[in-house]
């Protein structure tokens, strides 16, 4: 079809890129230091880019060109917005990791990985028997509170996640050996924190290589919020990861 569309004189273009930024539809790109109309069907012919050109390299012309595709423009804009949001989140995560690595920020939220000495415990078992061996912590990283944990960290690589309600460690006597051993532990209480953990858990599961997820909750109804958040995160991540739910009774028994 014959319609009005912009024309860019490459000889006059100084490569400033102002027009590319001014074009909200994304019809113009910078190619080899020059502005080019690379998506004719994105150009609406209104010329938002014209008054911004310092060298007058942009004019209107009427010629054969594909029709303006508003649907394609909207789709492209949504994709760019999502990519921009992702980039901002990645930048924030990188800054958070850099602060931790440099020793800045709140000491209580500075993350670290613990190397547990299994050999020492095995020696105790051999000498005194398993029943008399000194209990050891099975917490493999810090922090462990969901609100404080970063969404990206080295300890998530190829990790098994334990998502546990705060109270489970107090109600169930052997929490460390039966559930925390060999896992990265994330704890929280949606009732006390008054927050939906689903978004953060989704990022952790989606953006890292997670091997499995175990959810340990109390039998009380408010713990259902933690289970729902974890299940929603698993679905939203788009990954197929083995997972299970374990419920602890108020008197410290495993119910299921």
Protein backbone atom coordinates (compact mmCIF):
# COMPACT_ATOMS: atom_id res chain seq x y z
CA UNK A 1 0.00 0.00 0.00
CA UNK A 2 1.02 3.62 -0.58
CA UNK A 3 1.25 5.54 2.68
CA UNK A 4 3.18 8.22 4.54
CA UNK A 5 6.33 6.94 6.23
CA UNK A 6 9.59 8.40 7.45
CA UNK A 7 12.80 8.55 5.43
CA UNK A 8 16.26 8.72 7.04
CA UNK A 9 19.09 10.36 5.10
CA UNK A 10 22.12 8.35 6.20
CA UNK A 11 24.51 10.98 4.84
CA UNK A 12 23.12 13.57 7.24
CA UNK A 13 22.69 11.18 10.18
CA UNK A 14 25.35 11.76 12.85
CA UNK A 15 24.51 8.59 14.80
CA UNK A 16 23.29 10.35 17.94
CA UNK A 17 20.49 7.80 18.45
CA UNK A 18 17.95 10.38 19.64
CA UNK A 19 15.41 9.31 17.03
CA UNK A 20 15.65 5.64 18.02
CA UNK A 21 14.86 6.59 21.61
CA UNK A 22 12.06 8.91 20.52
CA UNK A 23 10.34 6.23 18.45
CA UNK A 24 8.00 4.60 20.96
CA UNK A 25 6.97 1.97 18.43
CA UNK A 26 10.53 0.65 18.00
CA UNK A 27 10.69 1.11 14.23
CA UNK A 28 14.21 2.60 14.29
CA UNK A 29 17.45 0.88 15.30
CA UNK A 30 21.05 2.02 15.30
CA UNK A 31 23.00 -0.05 12.74
CA UNK A 32 26.72 0.50 12.21
CA UNK A 33 26.49 3.90 13.88
CA UNK A 34 23.57 5.11 11.74
CA UNK A 35 19.84 5.31 12.35
CA UNK A 36 17.85 2.93 10.13
CA UNK A 37 14.14 2.28 9.68
CA UNK A 38 14.33 -1.48 10.20
CA UNK A 39 10.65 -2.23 10.86
CA UNK A 40 8.48 -0.39 8.36
CA UNK A 41 5.31 -2.01 9.73
CA UNK A 42 6.11 -0.46 13.14
CA UNK A 43 6.21 3.10 11.76
CA UNK A 44 2.85 4.83 12.34
CA UNK A 45 3.76 7.82 10.16
CA UNK A 46 3.19 10.37 12.93
CA UNK A 47 6.84 11.37 13.07
CA UNK A 48 7.64 11.58 16.78
CA UNK A 49 11.26 11.18 15.71
CA UNK A 50 11.32 14.18 13.33
CA UNK A 51 11.62 17.14 15.73
CA UNK A 52 14.29 15.36 17.75
CA UNK A 53 16.81 14.98 14.92
CA UNK A 54 19.56 17.62 15.34
CA UNK A 55 20.76 17.33 11.72
CA UNK A 56 17.37 17.23 9.97
CA UNK A 57 18.11 13.80 8.55
CA UNK A 58 14.51 12.59 8.93
CA UNK A 59 11.67 13.58 6.58
CA UNK A 60 8.30 12.23 5.47
CA UNK A 61 7.73 10.50 2.16
CA UNK A 62 4.86 8.66 0.55
CA UNK A 63 5.77 5.32 -0.93
CA UNK A 64 4.92 1.63 -1.04
CA UNK A 65 5.19 0.25 2.50
CA UNK A 66 3.52 -2.41 4.63
CA UNK A 67 0.56 -1.25 6.71
CA UNK A 68 1.15 -0.14 10.29
CA UNK A 69 0.74 -3.23 12.51
CA UNK A 70 -0.44 -1.98 15.90
CA UNK A 71 -0.80 -5.48 17.33
CA UNK A 72 2.83 -6.32 16.50
CA UNK A 73 3.97 -3.04 18.05
CA UNK A 74 2.07 -3.72 21.29
CA UNK A 75 3.50 -7.24 21.46
CA UNK A 76 7.03 -5.90 20.98
CA UNK A 77 6.50 -3.24 23.64
CA UNK A 78 5.30 -5.83 26.15
CA UNK A 79 8.32 -8.02 25.43
CA UNK A 80 10.71 -5.10 25.91
CA UNK A 81 9.00 -4.16 29.18
CA UNK A 82 9.38 -7.73 30.44
CA UNK A 83 13.04 -7.84 29.38
CA UNK A 84 13.66 -4.50 31.04
CA UNK A 85 12.04 -5.76 34.24
CA UNK A 86 14.15 -8.92 34.13
CA UNK A 87 17.32 -6.91 33.50
CA UNK A 88 16.54 -4.67 36.47
CA UNK A 89 15.96 -7.71 38.68
CA UNK A 90 19.21 -9.31 37.52
CA UNK A 91 21.07 -6.05 38.14
CA UNK A 92 19.59 -5.85 41.61
CA UNK A 93 20.60 -9.45 42.32
CA UNK A 94 24.13 -8.81 41.06
CA UNK A 95 24.44 -5.72 43.23
CA UNK A 96 23.14 -7.68 46.21
CA UNK A 97 25.68 -10.44 45.59
CA UNK A 98 28.47 -7.88 45.17
CA UNK A 99 27.56 -6.19 48.46
CA UNK A 100 27.65 -9.52 50.25
CA UNK A 101 30.93 -10.51 48.64
CA UNK A 102 32.48 -7.18 49.59
CA UNK A 103 31.29 -7.50 53.17
CA UNK A 104 28.83 -4.60 52.96
CA UNK A 105 25.18 -4.45 53.93
CA UNK A 106 23.52 -5.92 56.98
CA UNK A 107 25.80 -8.58 58.57
CA UNK A 108 22.75 -10.64 59.45
CA UNK A 109 21.74 -11.00 55.79
CA UNK A 110 25.23 -11.57 54.35
CA UNK A 111 25.03 -14.95 52.67
CA UNK A 112 27.50 -17.77 53.13
CA UNK A 113 27.78 -21.50 52.58
CA UNK A 114 28.86 -23.84 55.38
CA UNK A 115 31.10 -26.86 54.83
CA UNK A 116 29.96 -29.56 57.20
CA UNK A 117 32.59 -32.06 58.36
CA UNK A 118 30.96 -35.45 57.99
CA UNK A 119 34.16 -37.29 58.88
CA UNK A 120 34.19 -35.85 62.40
CA UNK A 121 30.65 -37.04 63.10
CA UNK A 122 31.36 -40.49 61.70
CA UNK A 123 34.31 -40.79 64.09
CA UNK A 124 32.01 -39.91 67.00
CA UNK A 125 29.49 -42.52 65.88
CA UNK A 126 32.20 -45.17 65.69
CA UNK A 127 33.56 -44.27 69.12
CA UNK A 128 30.35 -43.74 71.08
CA UNK A 129 27.52 -45.08 68.93
CA UNK A 130 24.96 -43.08 66.97
CA UNK A 131 22.75 -42.53 70.00
CA UNK A 132 25.52 -40.75 71.90
CA UNK A 133 27.16 -38.83 69.07
CA UNK A 134 27.10 -35.08 69.54
CA UNK A 135 24.31 -33.47 67.44
CA UNK A 136 25.54 -31.15 64.70
CA UNK A 137 23.78 -28.40 62.81
CA UNK A 138 22.64 -29.29 59.31
CA UNK A 139 22.03 -25.71 58.24
CA UNK A 140 24.04 -25.38 55.02
CA UNK A 141 23.77 -21.66 54.32
CA UNK A 142 23.02 -18.25 55.79
CA UNK A 143 20.61 -16.48 55.83
CA UNK A 144 17.73 -18.94 55.99
CA UNK A 145 14.74 -16.60 56.37
CA UNK A 146 12.84 -16.32 53.07
CA UNK A 147 12.57 -12.54 53.46
CA UNK A 148 16.35 -12.19 53.78
CA UNK A 149 17.48 -14.74 51.21
CA UNK A 150 18.70 -13.52 47.79
CA UNK A 151 17.02 -14.95 44.72
CA UNK A 152 20.38 -15.85 43.18
CA UNK A 153 23.35 -17.28 45.09
CA UNK A 154 25.96 -20.00 44.51
CA UNK A 155 24.47 -22.25 47.18
CA UNK A 156 21.33 -22.72 45.06
CA UNK A 157 23.31 -24.46 42.29
CA UNK A 158 22.08 -28.06 41.95
CA UNK A 159 20.46 -27.75 45.38
CA UNK A 160 17.65 -29.57 47.11
CA UNK A 161 15.37 -26.98 48.72
CA UNK A 162 13.68 -27.33 52.08
CA UNK A 163 10.86 -24.80 52.48
CA UNK A 164 9.84 -25.03 56.12
CA UNK A 165 7.50 -23.23 58.48
CA UNK A 166 9.28 -21.57 61.41
CA UNK A 167 7.58 -23.71 64.05
CA UNK A 168 8.53 -27.07 62.55
CA UNK A 169 12.09 -26.93 63.89
CA UNK A 170 10.73 -26.52 67.43
CA UNK A 171 7.94 -29.06 67.17
CA UNK A 172 9.89 -31.82 65.39
CA UNK A 173 12.89 -32.96 67.44
CA UNK A 174 15.01 -34.41 64.64
CA UNK A 175 14.50 -31.62 62.09
CA UNK A 176 18.19 -31.25 61.24
CA UNK A 177 18.92 -34.90 60.52
CA UNK A 178 15.63 -35.88 58.90
CA UNK A 179 14.90 -32.80 56.79
CA UNK A 180 17.69 -30.19 56.73
CA UNK A 181 20.63 -32.50 56.03
CA UNK A 182 21.92 -32.02 52.49
CA UNK A 183 19.43 -29.27 51.68
CA UNK A 184 19.28 -25.49 51.40
CA UNK A 185 16.83 -24.36 54.06
CA UNK A 186 14.28 -21.59 53.55
CA UNK A 187 12.06 -20.79 56.52
CA UNK A 188 9.15 -18.43 56.99
CA UNK A 189 5.72 -17.83 58.46
CA UNK A 190 3.22 -16.11 56.16
CA UNK A 191 1.00 -15.23 59.13
CA UNK A 192 3.73 -13.41 61.07
CA UNK A 193 5.41 -11.89 58.01
CA UNK A 194 2.04 -10.96 56.47
CA UNK A 195 3.47 -11.54 53.00
CA UNK A 196 2.94 -13.87 50.05
CA UNK A 197 6.23 -15.67 49.43
CA UNK A 198 5.14 -16.98 46.02
CA UNK A 199 6.90 -14.36 43.87
CA UNK A 200 10.27 -14.71 45.59
CA UNK A 201 10.09 -18.49 45.67
CA UNK A 202 9.21 -18.48 41.98
CA UNK A 203 12.36 -16.50 41.17
CA UNK A 204 14.52 -18.80 43.28
CA UNK A 205 13.16 -21.95 41.63
CA UNK A 206 13.02 -20.51 38.11
CA UNK A 207 16.42 -18.80 38.06
CA UNK A 208 18.52 -21.56 39.66
CA UNK A 209 19.21 -25.24 39.06
CA UNK A 210 17.00 -26.76 41.77
CA UNK A 211 16.91 -30.57 42.07
CA UNK A 212 13.94 -31.04 44.38
CA UNK A 213 11.65 -29.22 46.82
CA UNK A 214 10.47 -30.47 50.21
CA UNK A 215 7.79 -28.46 52.02
CA UNK A 216 7.54 -29.03 55.77
CA UNK A 217 4.59 -27.38 57.48
CA UNK A 218 2.64 -27.58 60.73
CA UNK A 219 -0.88 -29.03 60.83
CA UNK A 220 -2.35 -25.63 61.75
CA UNK A 221 -4.38 -23.86 59.01
CA UNK A 222 -2.14 -20.77 58.78
CA UNK A 223 0.69 -22.98 57.50
CA UNK A 224 -1.42 -23.57 54.41
CA UNK A 225 -0.24 -20.18 53.17
CA UNK A 226 3.36 -21.39 53.03
CA UNK A 227 2.38 -24.58 51.23
CA UNK A 228 0.26 -22.68 48.69
CA UNK A 229 3.06 -20.18 48.05
CA UNK A 230 5.53 -23.01 47.40
CA UNK A 231 3.12 -24.90 45.16
CA UNK A 232 2.27 -21.72 43.21
CA UNK A 233 5.98 -21.02 42.80
CA UNK A 234 6.62 -24.50 41.44
CA UNK A 235 3.85 -24.03 38.87
CA UNK A 236 4.89 -20.50 37.92
CA UNK A 237 8.54 -21.51 37.47
CA UNK A 238 7.63 -23.60 34.44
CA UNK A 239 9.88 -26.40 35.66
CA UNK A 240 9.07 -30.03 36.45
CA UNK A 241 10.81 -30.63 39.79
CA UNK A 242 10.17 -33.48 42.25
CA UNK A 243 8.44 -32.16 45.34
CA UNK A 244 6.68 -33.34 48.46
CA UNK A 245 4.77 -31.98 51.45
CA UNK A 246 5.34 -33.21 55.00
CA UNK A 247 2.99 -32.16 57.81
CA UNK A 248 4.08 -32.02 61.44
CA UNK A 249 1.56 -32.28 64.28
CA UNK A 250 1.56 -29.82 67.16
CA UNK A 251 2.97 -32.49 69.44
CA UNK A 252 5.87 -33.19 67.04
CA UNK A 253 4.80 -36.18 64.95
CA UNK A 254 4.99 -36.63 61.18
CA UNK A 255 1.40 -36.86 59.92
CA UNK A 256 2.02 -37.39 56.22
